[in-house]
Full PDB file with SEQRES, HELIX, SHEET, SSBOND, CRYST1, ORIGX, SCALE, CONECT and MASTER records, all heavy atoms in Angstrom:
SEQRES   1 A   37  TYR PRO ALA ASP PRO LYS PRO LEU ASP TYR PRO ARG TYR          
SEQRES   2 A   37  ALA ASP ARG LEU LYS ASP PHE GLY THR ALA ILE ARG ALA          
SEQRES   3 A   37  GLY GLU SER ALA MET ILE THR LYS ILE ARG VAL                  
HELIX    1 AA1 TYR A   10  PHE A   20  1                                  11    
CRYST1    1.000    1.000    1.000  90.00  90.00  90.00 P 1           1          
ORIGX1      1.000000  0.000000  0.000000        0.00000                         
ORIGX2      0.000000  1.000000  0.000000        0.00000                         
ORIGX3      0.000000  0.000000  1.000000        0.00000                         
SCALE1      1.000000  0.000000  0.000000        0.00000                         
SCALE2      0.000000  1.000000  0.000000        0.00000                         
SCALE3      0.000000  0.000000  1.000000        0.00000                         
ATOM      1  N   TYR A   1      99.867  75.420  84.429  1.00  0.00           N  
ATOM      2  CA  TYR A   1     100.744  74.492  83.763  1.00  0.00           C  
ATOM      3  C   TYR A   1     100.280  73.085  84.216  1.00  0.00           C  
ATOM      4  O   TYR A   1     100.823  72.524  85.190  1.00  0.00           O  
ATOM      5  CB  TYR A   1     102.217  74.721  84.155  1.00  0.00           C  
ATOM      6  CG  TYR A   1     102.815  75.921  83.551  1.00  0.00           C  
ATOM      7  CD1 TYR A   1     102.642  77.159  84.194  1.00  0.00           C  
ATOM      8  CD2 TYR A   1     103.542  75.919  82.362  1.00  0.00           C  
ATOM      9  CE1 TYR A   1     103.181  78.326  83.687  1.00  0.00           C  
ATOM     10  CE2 TYR A   1     104.121  77.066  81.847  1.00  0.00           C  
ATOM     11  CZ  TYR A   1     103.939  78.284  82.494  1.00  0.00           C  
ATOM     12  OH  TYR A   1     104.446  79.432  81.991  1.00  0.00           O  
ATOM     13  N   PRO A   2      99.303  72.477  83.498  1.00  0.00           N  
ATOM     14  CA  PRO A   2      98.739  71.204  83.934  1.00  0.00           C  
ATOM     15  C   PRO A   2      99.750  70.033  84.056  1.00  0.00           C  
ATOM     16  O   PRO A   2      99.519  69.162  84.912  1.00  0.00           O  
ATOM     17  CB  PRO A   2      97.706  70.882  82.804  1.00  0.00           C  
ATOM     18  CG  PRO A   2      97.431  72.192  82.161  1.00  0.00           C  
ATOM     19  CD  PRO A   2      98.700  72.967  82.230  1.00  0.00           C  
ATOM     20  N   ALA A   3     100.820  70.027  83.309  1.00  0.00           N  
ATOM     21  CA  ALA A   3     101.794  68.931  83.317  1.00  0.00           C  
ATOM     22  C   ALA A   3     102.810  69.100  84.428  1.00  0.00           C  
ATOM     23  O   ALA A   3     103.604  68.195  84.689  1.00  0.00           O  
ATOM     24  CB  ALA A   3     102.500  68.814  81.969  1.00  0.00           C  
ATOM     25  N   ASP A   4     102.834  70.279  85.130  1.00  0.00           N  
ATOM     26  CA  ASP A   4     103.849  70.522  86.142  1.00  0.00           C  
ATOM     27  C   ASP A   4     103.344  69.990  87.505  1.00  0.00           C  
ATOM     28  O   ASP A   4     102.144  69.921  87.753  1.00  0.00           O  
ATOM     29  CB  ASP A   4     104.108  72.007  86.276  1.00  0.00           C  
ATOM     30  CG  ASP A   4     104.949  72.557  85.124  1.00  0.00           C  
ATOM     31  OD1 ASP A   4     105.145  71.802  84.135  1.00  0.00           O  
ATOM     32  OD2 ASP A   4     105.389  73.655  85.213  1.00  0.00           O  
ATOM     33  N   PRO A   5     104.307  69.651  88.428  1.00  0.00           N  
ATOM     34  CA  PRO A   5     103.902  69.221  89.777  1.00  0.00           C  
ATOM     35  C   PRO A   5     103.035  70.259  90.495  1.00  0.00           C  
ATOM     36  O   PRO A   5     102.118  69.948  91.212  1.00  0.00           O  
ATOM     37  CB  PRO A   5     105.253  68.988  90.470  1.00  0.00           C  
ATOM     38  CG  PRO A   5     106.208  68.697  89.344  1.00  0.00           C  
ATOM     39  CD  PRO A   5     105.743  69.562  88.212  1.00  0.00           C  
ATOM     40  N   LYS A   6     103.401  71.510  90.288  1.00  0.00           N  
ATOM     41  CA  LYS A   6     102.627  72.672  90.818  1.00  0.00           C  
ATOM     42  C   LYS A   6     102.059  73.481  89.657  1.00  0.00           C  
ATOM     43  O   LYS A   6     102.734  74.318  89.163  1.00  0.00           O  
ATOM     44  CB  LYS A   6     103.456  73.501  91.754  1.00  0.00           C  
ATOM     45  CG  LYS A   6     103.918  72.816  93.046  1.00  0.00           C  
ATOM     46  CD  LYS A   6     104.665  73.793  93.942  1.00  0.00           C  
ATOM     47  CE  LYS A   6     105.074  73.099  95.254  1.00  0.00           C  
ATOM     48  NZ  LYS A   6     105.853  74.026  96.156  1.00  0.00           N  
ATOM     49  N   PRO A   7     100.857  73.151  89.259  1.00  0.00           N  
ATOM     50  CA  PRO A   7     100.301  73.813  88.048  1.00  0.00           C  
ATOM     51  C   PRO A   7     100.181  75.327  88.128  1.00  0.00           C  
ATOM     52  O   PRO A   7     100.245  76.007  87.146  1.00  0.00           O  
ATOM     53  CB  PRO A   7      98.950  73.138  87.860  1.00  0.00           C  
ATOM     54  CG  PRO A   7      99.049  71.809  88.629  1.00  0.00           C  
ATOM     55  CD  PRO A   7      99.931  72.141  89.810  1.00  0.00           C  
ATOM     56  N   LEU A   8      99.948  75.828  89.378  1.00  0.00           N  
ATOM     57  CA  LEU A   8      99.712  77.257  89.543  1.00  0.00           C  
ATOM     58  C   LEU A   8     100.779  77.878  90.445  1.00  0.00           C  
ATOM     59  O   LEU A   8     101.022  77.351  91.565  1.00  0.00           O  
ATOM     60  CB  LEU A   8      98.327  77.509  90.138  1.00  0.00           C  
ATOM     61  CG  LEU A   8      97.888  78.946  90.338  1.00  0.00           C  
ATOM     62  CD1 LEU A   8      97.870  79.716  89.014  1.00  0.00           C  
ATOM     63  CD2 LEU A   8      96.507  79.079  90.968  1.00  0.00           C  
ATOM     64  N   ASP A   9     101.409  78.906  89.970  1.00  0.00           N  
ATOM     65  CA  ASP A   9     102.411  79.634  90.770  1.00  0.00           C  
ATOM     66  C   ASP A   9     101.653  80.644  91.610  1.00  0.00           C  
ATOM     67  O   ASP A   9     101.316  81.780  91.215  1.00  0.00           O  
ATOM     68  CB  ASP A   9     103.399  80.338  89.840  1.00  0.00           C  
ATOM     69  CG  ASP A   9     104.501  81.065  90.588  1.00  0.00           C  
ATOM     70  OD1 ASP A   9     104.315  81.369  91.785  1.00  0.00           O  
ATOM     71  OD2 ASP A   9     105.543  81.372  89.944  1.00  0.00           O  
ATOM     72  N   TYR A  10     101.348  80.261  92.857  1.00  0.00           N  
ATOM     73  CA  TYR A  10     100.475  81.096  93.711  1.00  0.00           C  
ATOM     74  C   TYR A  10     101.071  82.476  94.029  1.00  0.00           C  
ATOM     75  O   TYR A  10     100.321  83.440  94.090  1.00  0.00           O  
ATOM     76  CB  TYR A  10     100.058  80.338  94.979  1.00  0.00           C  
ATOM     77  CG  TYR A  10      98.952  79.362  94.695  1.00  0.00           C  
ATOM     78  CD1 TYR A  10      99.196  78.037  94.424  1.00  0.00           C  
ATOM     79  CD2 TYR A  10      97.574  79.788  94.716  1.00  0.00           C  
ATOM     80  CE1 TYR A  10      98.143  77.151  94.131  1.00  0.00           C  
ATOM     81  CE2 TYR A  10      96.577  78.907  94.419  1.00  0.00           C  
ATOM     82  CZ  TYR A  10      96.856  77.567  94.131  1.00  0.00           C  
ATOM     83  OH  TYR A  10      95.805  76.724  93.888  1.00  0.00           O  
ATOM     84  N   PRO A  11     102.357  82.565  94.350  1.00  0.00           N  
ATOM     85  CA  PRO A  11     102.904  83.927  94.615  1.00  0.00           C  
ATOM     86  C   PRO A  11     102.738  84.880  93.385  1.00  0.00           C  
ATOM     87  O   PRO A  11     102.377  86.045  93.536  1.00  0.00           O  
ATOM     88  CB  PRO A  11     104.380  83.663  94.915  1.00  0.00           C  
ATOM     89  CG  PRO A  11     104.403  82.323  95.442  1.00  0.00           C  
ATOM     90  CD  PRO A  11     103.360  81.550  94.651  1.00  0.00           C  
ATOM     91  N   ARG A  12     102.966  84.332  92.170  1.00  0.00           N  
ATOM     92  CA  ARG A  12     102.793  85.196  90.993  1.00  0.00           C  
ATOM     93  C   ARG A  12     101.320  85.526  90.779  1.00  0.00           C  
ATOM     94  O   ARG A  12     100.942  86.659  90.396  1.00  0.00           O  
ATOM     95  CB  ARG A  12     103.312  84.398  89.784  1.00  0.00           C  
ATOM     96  CG  ARG A  12     103.355  85.229  88.470  1.00  0.00           C  
ATOM     97  CD  ARG A  12     103.984  84.461  87.373  1.00  0.00           C  
ATOM     98  NE  ARG A  12     104.205  85.239  86.176  1.00  0.00           N  
ATOM     99  CZ  ARG A  12     104.667  84.718  85.021  1.00  0.00           C  
ATOM    100  NH1 ARG A  12     105.029  83.461  84.958  1.00  0.00           N  
ATOM    101  NH2 ARG A  12     104.831  85.526  83.982  1.00  0.00           N  
ATOM    102  N   TYR A  13     100.426  84.561  91.046  1.00  0.00           N  
ATOM    103  CA  TYR A  13      99.011  84.745  90.938  1.00  0.00           C  
ATOM    104  C   TYR A  13      98.566  85.871  91.964  1.00  0.00           C  
ATOM    105  O   TYR A  13      97.827  86.767  91.587  1.00  0.00           O  
ATOM    106  CB  TYR A  13      98.328  83.459  91.244  1.00  0.00           C  
ATOM    107  CG  TYR A  13      96.814  83.557  91.637  1.00  0.00           C  
ATOM    108  CD1 TYR A  13      95.881  83.881  90.695  1.00  0.00           C  
ATOM    109  CD2 TYR A  13      96.420  83.212  92.924  1.00  0.00           C  
ATOM    110  CE1 TYR A  13      94.561  83.981  91.029  1.00  0.00           C  
ATOM    111  CE2 TYR A  13      95.090  83.278  93.257  1.00  0.00           C  
ATOM    112  CZ  TYR A  13      94.154  83.649  92.329  1.00  0.00           C  
ATOM    113  OH  TYR A  13      92.854  83.736  92.708  1.00  0.00           O  
ATOM    114  N   ALA A  14      99.110  85.803  93.149  1.00  0.00           N  
ATOM    115  CA  ALA A  14      98.774  86.801  94.189  1.00  0.00           C  
ATOM    116  C   ALA A  14      99.205  88.207  93.775  1.00  0.00           C  
ATOM    117  O   ALA A  14      98.542  89.237  94.025  1.00  0.00           O  
ATOM    118  CB  ALA A  14      99.344  86.413  95.547  1.00  0.00           C  
ATOM    119  N   ASP A  15     100.415  88.266  93.171  1.00  0.00           N  
ATOM    120  CA  ASP A  15     100.997  89.550  92.710  1.00  0.00           C  
ATOM    121  C   ASP A  15     100.058  90.199  91.673  1.00  0.00           C  
ATOM    122  O   ASP A  15      99.812  91.421  91.688  1.00  0.00           O  
ATOM    123  CB  ASP A  15     102.376  89.384  92.142  1.00  0.00           C  
ATOM    124  CG  ASP A  15     103.402  89.153  93.199  1.00  0.00           C  
ATOM    125  OD1 ASP A  15     103.165  89.466  94.380  1.00  0.00           O  
ATOM    126  OD2 ASP A  15     104.495  88.607  92.842  1.00  0.00           O  
ATOM    127  N   ARG A  16      99.486  89.385  90.750  1.00  0.00           N  
ATOM    128  CA  ARG A  16      98.594  89.973  89.734  1.00  0.00           C  
ATOM    129  C   ARG A  16      97.300  90.449  90.371  1.00  0.00           C  
ATOM    130  O   ARG A  16      96.763  91.461  89.937  1.00  0.00           O  
ATOM    131  CB  ARG A  16      98.356  88.912  88.666  1.00  0.00           C  
ATOM    132  CG  ARG A  16      99.550  88.653  87.754  1.00  0.00           C  
ATOM    133  CD  ARG A  16      99.292  87.652  86.625  1.00  0.00           C  
ATOM    134  NE  ARG A  16     100.484  87.419  85.874  1.00  0.00           N  
ATOM    135  CZ  ARG A  16     100.605  86.505  84.941  1.00  0.00           C  
ATOM    136  NH1 ARG A  16      99.565  85.740  84.643  1.00  0.00           N  
ATOM    137  NH2 ARG A  16     101.791  86.349  84.292  1.00  0.00           N  
ATOM    138  N   LEU A  17      96.819  89.745  91.339  1.00  0.00           N  
ATOM    139  CA  LEU A  17      95.594  90.221  92.021  1.00  0.00           C  
ATOM    140  C   LEU A  17      95.859  91.499  92.741  1.00  0.00           C  
ATOM    141  O   LEU A  17      95.068  92.450  92.670  1.00  0.00           O  
ATOM    142  CB  LEU A  17      95.107  89.165  93.024  1.00  0.00           C  
ATOM    143  CG  LEU A  17      94.421  87.966  92.502  1.00  0.00           C  
ATOM    144  CD1 LEU A  17      94.104  86.961  93.620  1.00  0.00           C  
ATOM    145  CD2 LEU A  17      93.128  88.290  91.767  1.00  0.00           C  
ATOM    146  N   LYS A  18      97.041  91.601  93.344  1.00  0.00           N  
ATOM    147  CA  LYS A  18      97.458  92.821  94.055  1.00  0.00           C  
ATOM    148  C   LYS A  18      97.625  94.006  93.102  1.00  0.00           C  
ATOM    149  O   LYS A  18      97.203  95.131  93.346  1.00  0.00           O  
ATOM    150  CB  LYS A  18      98.708  92.576  94.910  1.00  0.00           C  
ATOM    151  CG  LYS A  18      99.187  93.733  95.717  1.00  0.00           C  
ATOM    152  CD  LYS A  18     100.378  93.415  96.504  1.00  0.00           C  
ATOM    153  CE  LYS A  18     100.909  94.626  97.329  1.00  0.00           C  
ATOM    154  NZ  LYS A  18     102.135  94.300  98.075  1.00  0.00           N  
ATOM    155  N   ASP A  19      98.279  93.721  91.981  1.00  0.00           N  
ATOM    156  CA  ASP A  19      98.577  94.790  91.046  1.00  0.00           C  
ATOM    157  C   ASP A  19      97.401  95.271  90.241  1.00  0.00           C  
ATOM    158  O   ASP A  19      97.260  96.448  89.929  1.00  0.00           O  
ATOM    159  CB  ASP A  19      99.698  94.295  90.087  1.00  0.00           C  
ATOM    160  CG  ASP A  19     101.029  94.109  90.742  1.00  0.00           C  
ATOM    161  OD1 ASP A  19     101.247  94.678  91.835  1.00  0.00           O  
ATOM    162  OD2 ASP A  19     101.868  93.428  90.179  1.00  0.00           O  
ATOM    163  N   PHE A  20      96.507  94.340  89.885  1.00  0.00           N  
ATOM    164  CA  PHE A  20      95.429  94.695  88.954  1.00  0.00           C  
ATOM    165  C   PHE A  20      94.013  94.564  89.520  1.00  0.00           C  
ATOM    166  O   PHE A  20      93.050  94.895  88.805  1.00  0.00           O  
ATOM    167  CB  PHE A  20      95.543  93.831  87.687  1.00  0.00           C  
ATOM    168  CG  PHE A  20      96.861  93.891  86.987  1.00  0.00           C  
ATOM    169  CD1 PHE A  20      97.757  92.835  87.018  1.00  0.00           C  
ATOM    170  CD2 PHE A  20      97.231  95.021  86.309  1.00  0.00           C  
ATOM    171  CE1 PHE A  20      98.996  92.907  86.391  1.00  0.00           C  
ATOM    172  CE2 PHE A  20      98.518  95.153  85.698  1.00  0.00           C  
ATOM    173  CZ  PHE A  20      99.325  94.078  85.731  1.00  0.00           C  
ATOM    174  N   GLY A  21      93.867  94.106  90.774  1.00  0.00           N  
ATOM    175  CA  GLY A  21      92.583  93.992  91.337  1.00  0.00           C  
ATOM    176  C   GLY A  21      91.824  92.755  90.875  1.00  0.00           C  
ATOM    177  O   GLY A  21      92.323  91.994  89.976  1.00  0.00           O  
ATOM    178  N   THR A  22      90.636  92.520  91.393  1.00  0.00           N  
ATOM    179  CA  THR A  22      89.855  91.326  91.098  1.00  0.00           C  
ATOM    180  C   THR A  22      88.759  91.669  90.091  1.00  0.00           C  
ATOM    181  O   THR A  22      87.864  92.455  90.441  1.00  0.00           O  
ATOM    182  CB  THR A  22      89.265  90.712  92.350  1.00  0.00           C  
ATOM    183  OG1 THR A  22      90.331  90.315  93.242  1.00  0.00           O  
ATOM    184  CG2 THR A  22      88.426  89.494  92.041  1.00  0.00           C  
ATOM    185  N   ALA A  23      88.792  91.071  88.936  1.00  0.00           N  
ATOM    186  CA  ALA A  23      87.761  91.323  87.906  1.00  0.00           C  
ATOM    187  C   ALA A  23      86.620  90.409  88.095  1.00  0.00           C  
ATOM    188  O   ALA A  23      85.462  90.793  87.816  1.00  0.00           O  
ATOM    189  CB  ALA A  23      88.360  91.199  86.538  1.00  0.00           C  
ATOM    190  N   ILE A  24      86.874  89.196  88.494  1.00  0.00           N  
ATOM    191  CA  ILE A  24      85.792  88.174  88.692  1.00  0.00           C  
ATOM    192  C   ILE A  24      86.128  87.484  90.063  1.00  0.00           C  
ATOM    193  O   ILE A  24      87.209  86.967  90.201  1.00  0.00           O  
ATOM    194  CB  ILE A  24      85.800  87.103  87.559  1.00  0.00           C  
ATOM    195  CG1 ILE A  24      85.758  87.771  86.213  1.00  0.00           C  
ATOM    196  CG2 ILE A  24      84.539  86.200  87.698  1.00  0.00           C  
ATOM    197  CD1 ILE A  24      85.938  86.798  85.047  1.00  0.00           C  
ATOM    198  N   ARG A  25      85.148  87.514  90.929  1.00  0.00           N  
ATOM    199  CA  ARG A  25      85.383  86.945  92.274  1.00  0.00           C  
ATOM    200  C   ARG A  25      85.104  85.437  92.294  1.00  0.00           C  
ATOM    201  O   ARG A  25      84.325  84.946  91.460  1.00  0.00           O  
ATOM    202  CB  ARG A  25      84.470  87.629  93.322  1.00  0.00           C  
ATOM    203  CG  ARG A  25      84.864  89.097  93.532  1.00  0.00           C  
ATOM    204  CD  ARG A  25      83.927  89.745  94.528  1.00  0.00           C  
ATOM    205  NE  ARG A  25      84.369  91.116  94.844  1.00  0.00           N  
ATOM    206  CZ  ARG A  25      84.103  92.169  94.086  1.00  0.00           C  
ATOM    207  NH1 ARG A  25      83.414  92.013  92.981  1.00  0.00           N  
ATOM    208  NH2 ARG A  25      84.539  93.378  94.452  1.00  0.00           N  
ATOM    209  N   ALA A  26      85.693  84.750  93.224  1.00  0.00           N  
ATOM    210  CA  ALA A  26      85.394  83.331  93.393  1.00  0.00           C  
ATOM    211  C   ALA A  26      83.920  83.190  93.737  1.00  0.00           C  
ATOM    212  O   ALA A  26      83.365  83.917  94.484  1.00  0.00           O  
ATOM    213  CB  ALA A  26      86.248  82.783  94.580  1.00  0.00           C  
ATOM    214  N   GLY A  27      83.283  82.214  93.061  1.00  0.00           N  
ATOM    215  CA  GLY A  27      81.848  81.988  93.235  1.00  0.00           C  
ATOM    216  C   GLY A  27      80.962  82.698  92.211  1.00  0.00           C  
ATOM    217  O   GLY A  27      79.783  82.378  92.097  1.00  0.00           O  
ATOM    218  N   GLU A  28      81.592  83.648  91.445  1.00  0.00           N  
ATOM    219  CA  GLU A  28      80.815  84.342  90.425  1.00  0.00           C  
ATOM    220  C   GLU A  28      80.823  83.570  89.121  1.00  0.00           C  
ATOM    221  O   GLU A  28      81.759  82.813  88.824  1.00  0.00           O  
ATOM    222  CB  GLU A  28      81.365  85.773  90.215  1.00  0.00           C  
ATOM    223  CG  GLU A  28      81.106  86.705  91.349  1.00  0.00           C  
ATOM    224  CD  GLU A  28      81.577  88.129  91.031  1.00  0.00           C  
ATOM    225  OE1 GLU A  28      82.419  88.312  90.113  1.00  0.00           O  
ATOM    226  OE2 GLU A  28      81.131  89.042  91.732  1.00  0.00           O  
ATOM    227  N   SER A  29      79.787  83.792  88.287  1.00  0.00           N  
ATOM    228  CA  SER A  29      79.755  83.184  86.973  1.00  0.00           C  
ATOM    229  C   SER A  29      80.383  84.141  85.970  1.00  0.00           C  
ATOM    230  O   SER A  29      80.356  85.363  86.143  1.00  0.00           O  
ATOM    231  CB  SER A  29      78.277  82.918  86.582  1.00  0.00           C  
ATOM    232  OG  SER A  29      77.715  81.907  87.379  1.00  0.00           O  
ATOM    233  N   ALA A  30      80.919  83.587  84.920  1.00  0.00           N  
ATOM    234  CA  ALA A  30      81.507  84.377  83.852  1.00  0.00           C  
ATOM    235  C   ALA A  30      81.235  83.644  82.519  1.00  0.00           C  
ATOM    236  O   ALA A  30      81.208  82.452  82.458  1.00  0.00           O  
ATOM    237  CB  ALA A  30      83.025  84.516  84.092  1.00  0.00           C  
ATOM    238  N   MET A  31      81.091  84.443  81.471  1.00  0.00           N  
ATOM    239  CA  MET A  31      80.920  83.888  80.148  1.00  0.00           C  
ATOM    240  C   MET A  31      82.239  83.610  79.480  1.00  0.00           C  
ATOM    241  O   MET A  31      83.183  84.418  79.550  1.00  0.00           O  
ATOM    242  CB  MET A  31      80.088  84.841  79.302  1.00  0.00           C  
ATOM    243  CG  MET A  31      79.741  84.312  77.930  1.00  0.00           C  
ATOM    244  SD  MET A  31      78.812  85.509  76.918  1.00  0.00           S  
ATOM    245  CE  MET A  31      77.219  85.423  77.774  1.00  0.00           C  
ATOM    246  N   ILE A  32      82.324  82.471  78.796  1.00  0.00           N  
ATOM    247  CA  ILE A  32      83.482  82.150  77.986  1.00  0.00           C  
ATOM    248  C   ILE A  32      83.345  82.908  76.665  1.00  0.00           C  
ATOM    249  O   ILE A  32      82.474  82.611  75.866  1.00  0.00           O  
ATOM    250  CB  ILE A  32      83.606  80.650  77.772  1.00  0.00           C  
ATOM    251  CG1 ILE A  32      83.609  79.874  79.083  1.00  0.00           C  
ATOM    252  CG2 ILE A  32      84.888  80.348  76.948  1.00  0.00           C  
ATOM    253  CD1 ILE A  32      83.417  78.405  78.904  1.00  0.00           C  
ATOM    254  N   THR A  33      84.135  83.939  76.494  1.00  0.00           N  
ATOM    255  CA  THR A  33      84.000  84.804  75.310  1.00  0.00           C  
ATOM    256  C   THR A  33      84.949  84.498  74.164  1.00  0.00           C  
ATOM    257  O   THR A  33      84.665  84.902  73.036  1.00  0.00           O  
ATOM    258  CB  THR A  33      84.150  86.286  75.720  1.00  0.00           C  
ATOM    259  OG1 THR A  33      85.334  86.463  76.479  1.00  0.00           O  
ATOM    260  CG2 THR A  33      82.953  86.707  76.552  1.00  0.00           C  
ATOM    261  N   LYS A  34      86.017  83.815  74.463  1.00  0.00           N  
ATOM    262  CA  LYS A  34      86.924  83.453  73.340  1.00  0.00           C  
ATOM    263  C   LYS A  34      87.851  82.288  73.780  1.00  0.00           C  
ATOM    264  O   LYS A  34      88.319  82.272  74.902  1.00  0.00           O  
ATOM    265  CB  LYS A  34      87.741  84.680  72.935  1.00  0.00           C  
ATOM    266  CG  LYS A  34      88.662  84.376  71.704  1.00  0.00           C  
ATOM    267  CD  LYS A  34      89.470  85.570  71.320  1.00  0.00           C  
ATOM    268  CE  LYS A  34      88.571  86.612  70.593  1.00  0.00           C  
ATOM    269  NZ  LYS A  34      89.366  87.741  70.009  1.00  0.00           N  
ATOM    270  N   ILE A  35      88.102  81.393  72.805  1.00  0.00           N  
ATOM    271  CA  ILE A  35      89.106  80.380  72.961  1.00  0.00           C  
ATOM    272  C   ILE A  35      90.142  80.564  71.820  1.00  0.00           C  
ATOM    273  O   ILE A  35      89.745  80.671  70.656  1.00  0.00           O  
ATOM    274  CB  ILE A  35      88.504  78.948  72.852  1.00  0.00           C  
ATOM    275  CG1 ILE A  35      87.479  78.700  73.938  1.00  0.00           C  
ATOM    276  CG2 ILE A  35      89.609  77.886  72.855  1.00  0.00           C  
ATOM    277  CD1 ILE A  35      88.022  78.523  75.305  1.00  0.00           C  
ATOM    278  N   ARG A  36      91.409  80.606  72.196  1.00  0.00           N  
ATOM    279  CA  ARG A  36      92.429  80.743  71.162  1.00  0.00           C  
ATOM    280  C   ARG A  36      93.546  79.720  71.458  1.00  0.00           C  
ATOM    281  O   ARG A  36      93.992  79.557  72.552  1.00  0.00           O  
ATOM    282  CB  ARG A  36      93.027  82.160  71.206  1.00  0.00           C  
ATOM    283  CG  ARG A  36      92.092  83.257  70.790  1.00  0.00           C  
ATOM    284  CD  ARG A  36      92.769  84.616  70.738  1.00  0.00           C  
ATOM    285  NE  ARG A  36      93.708  84.644  69.626  1.00  0.00           N  
ATOM    286  CZ  ARG A  36      94.473  85.730  69.362  1.00  0.00           C  
ATOM    287  NH1 ARG A  36      94.418  86.787  70.121  1.00  0.00           N  
ATOM    288  NH2 ARG A  36      95.251  85.717  68.343  1.00  0.00           N  
ATOM    289  N   VAL A  37      93.937  79.022  70.345  1.00  0.00           N  
ATOM    290  CA  VAL A  37      94.983  77.997  70.505  1.00  0.00           C  
ATOM    291  C   VAL A  37      96.266  78.587  69.949  1.00  0.00           C  
ATOM    292  O   VAL A  37      96.331  79.022  68.766  1.00  0.00           O  
ATOM    293  CB  VAL A  37      94.572  76.718  69.701  1.00  0.00           C  
ATOM    294  CG1 VAL A  37      95.752  75.739  69.716  1.00  0.00           C  
ATOM    295  CG2 VAL A  37      93.326  76.111  70.298  1.00  0.00           C  
TER     296      VAL A  37                                                      
MASTER        0    0    0    1    0    0    0    6  295    1    0    3          
END                                                                             
């Protein structure tokens, strides 16, 4: 949420990593495969 004082909810983010695992690690490259508005 770029307009919020805290753009990223870190506890919620951590829960998703815990529940679903890490698909792309920090430092790894990834291809931008789709943009949707």
